Protein backbone atom coordinates (compact mmCIF):
# COMPACT_ATOMS: atom_id res chain seq x y z
CA MET A 1 93.88 107.27 86.61
CA ILE A 2 94.53 105.40 89.82
CA LYS A 3 92.04 105.62 92.68
CA LYS A 4 92.53 104.03 96.09
CA ALA A 5 91.17 104.42 99.60
CA SER A 6 93.15 106.80 101.79
CA VAL A 7 94.84 105.87 105.02
CA HIS A 8 92.74 107.31 107.84
CA ASN A 9 94.23 109.37 110.61
CA PHE A 10 92.48 108.21 113.78
CA SER A 11 94.07 110.79 116.10
CA GLU A 12 92.72 113.72 114.03
CA THR A 13 89.20 112.37 114.37
CA LEU A 14 89.41 111.92 118.12
CA LEU A 15 90.91 115.37 118.66
CA SER A 16 88.18 117.04 116.62
CA SER A 17 85.36 115.41 118.59
CA ASP A 18 84.35 115.88 122.23
CA LYS A 19 82.88 112.40 122.42
CA SER A 20 85.40 109.72 121.55
CA LEU A 21 82.74 107.09 120.75
CA LEU A 22 81.04 109.45 118.31
CA GLY A 23 84.44 110.33 116.90
CA LEU A 24 85.21 106.64 116.40
CA LEU A 25 81.92 106.07 114.57
CA PHE A 26 82.48 109.12 112.39
CA PHE A 27 86.03 107.94 111.65
CA LEU A 28 84.85 104.49 110.58
CA LYS A 29 82.06 105.90 108.38
CA ARG A 30 84.05 108.65 106.66
CA GLU A 31 85.73 107.61 103.42
CA LYS A 32 88.47 109.47 101.63
CA PHE A 33 90.28 108.59 98.44
CA ASP A 34 93.63 109.21 96.78
CA TYR A 35 93.88 109.84 93.05
CA LEU A 36 96.64 110.10 90.49
CA ILE A 37 95.33 111.38 87.16
CA ILE A 38 97.61 112.01 84.19
CA THR A 39 96.19 113.51 81.00
CA LYS A 40 97.81 114.91 77.86
CA LYS A 41 98.35 118.30 79.46
CA ARG A 42 97.79 117.92 83.20
CA ILE A 43 98.83 115.91 86.24
CA LEU A 44 96.40 115.87 89.15
CA TYR A 45 97.53 114.39 92.47
CA ILE A 46 94.92 114.14 95.25
CA ILE A 47 95.48 112.73 98.75
CA ARG A 48 92.58 112.27 101.18
CA ASN A 49 90.26 114.22 98.84
CA LYS A 50 92.61 117.27 98.91
CA VAL A 51 94.39 118.46 95.78
CA ILE A 52 98.13 118.27 96.43
CA LYS A 53 99.32 119.03 92.89
CA ASN A 54 97.42 120.31 89.88
CA ILE A 55 100.06 120.89 87.25
CA SER A 56 99.94 121.57 83.55
CA TYR A 57 102.97 120.45 81.59
CA ASN A 58 104.29 120.81 78.07
CA ASN A 59 102.21 118.65 75.75
CA ASN A 60 105.31 117.73 73.72
CA SER A 61 107.31 116.48 76.70
CA LYS A 62 107.34 112.95 77.97
CA VAL A 63 106.10 112.06 81.44
CA ASN A 64 108.13 109.33 83.17
CA PHE A 65 107.66 107.35 86.32
CA ASP A 66 110.87 106.82 88.31
CA SER A 67 110.21 103.76 90.47
CA LYS A 68 113.54 104.10 92.34
CA GLN A 69 112.68 107.60 93.53
CA ASN A 70 108.91 106.92 93.64
CA ARG A 71 108.09 110.02 91.63
CA ILE A 72 106.70 111.27 88.34
CA GLU A 73 109.03 113.36 86.19
CA TYR A 74 107.90 115.83 83.52
CA TYR A 75 108.88 119.11 81.87
CA ASP A 76 106.87 122.19 82.76
CA ASN A 77 105.76 124.86 80.28
CA GLN A 78 109.13 126.64 80.66
CA GLN A 79 110.94 123.41 79.64
CA GLU A 80 112.36 122.87 83.14
CA LYS A 81 112.45 119.35 84.54
CA GLU A 82 110.09 118.92 87.48
CA TYR A 83 108.87 116.01 89.55
CA ILE A 84 106.10 114.99 91.93
CA GLU A 85 106.95 112.80 94.92
CA LEU A 86 104.40 110.02 95.41
CA TYR A 87 105.31 108.72 98.87
CA ASP A 88 101.89 109.61 100.35
CA PHE A 89 100.23 107.61 97.58
CA ARG A 90 101.66 104.26 98.84
CA ILE A 91 102.14 102.82 95.35
CA THR A 92 102.14 99.04 95.03
CA LEU A 93 104.15 97.10 92.45
CA GLU A 94 100.96 96.44 90.52
CA GLU A 95 100.17 100.16 90.37
CA ILE A 96 103.74 100.94 89.26
CA GLN A 97 103.27 98.59 86.32
CA GLN A 98 99.88 100.12 85.56
CA ILE A 99 101.37 103.64 85.47
CA LYS A 100 104.34 102.60 83.33
CA ASN A 101 102.15 100.68 80.86
CA ALA A 102 99.70 103.58 80.53
CA LEU A 103 102.49 106.11 79.95
CA ASN A 104 104.21 103.84 77.39
CA LYS A 105 100.94 103.31 75.48
CA PHE A 106 100.22 107.03 75.51
CA TYR A 107 103.61 107.93 74.02
CA LEU A 108 103.54 105.10 71.45
CA ILE A 109 100.12 106.17 70.15
CA ARG A 110 101.08 109.83 69.65
């Protein structure tokens, strides 16, 4: 699992509030997070506390991270190759290594 603070959208906060000072204070206080959770049967991708993808995949298939395309590749339950784009997640090099190491350990242990 990777958890990180979301990038805030300041214009949304100001547009939703009549008082810009109150909107600014609310914007600074409000915290949202992004998550990438990969389990044996599910991939959960959350941006700004909203579920973007909640996918179950074939337990026998391998999940890969393609760092060139910035996406996770897997086979769905119908054995079709699928992927999840992770551009909104703003993955750092350190997080790329963390994902790759976790996936490699998972498939070596099986």
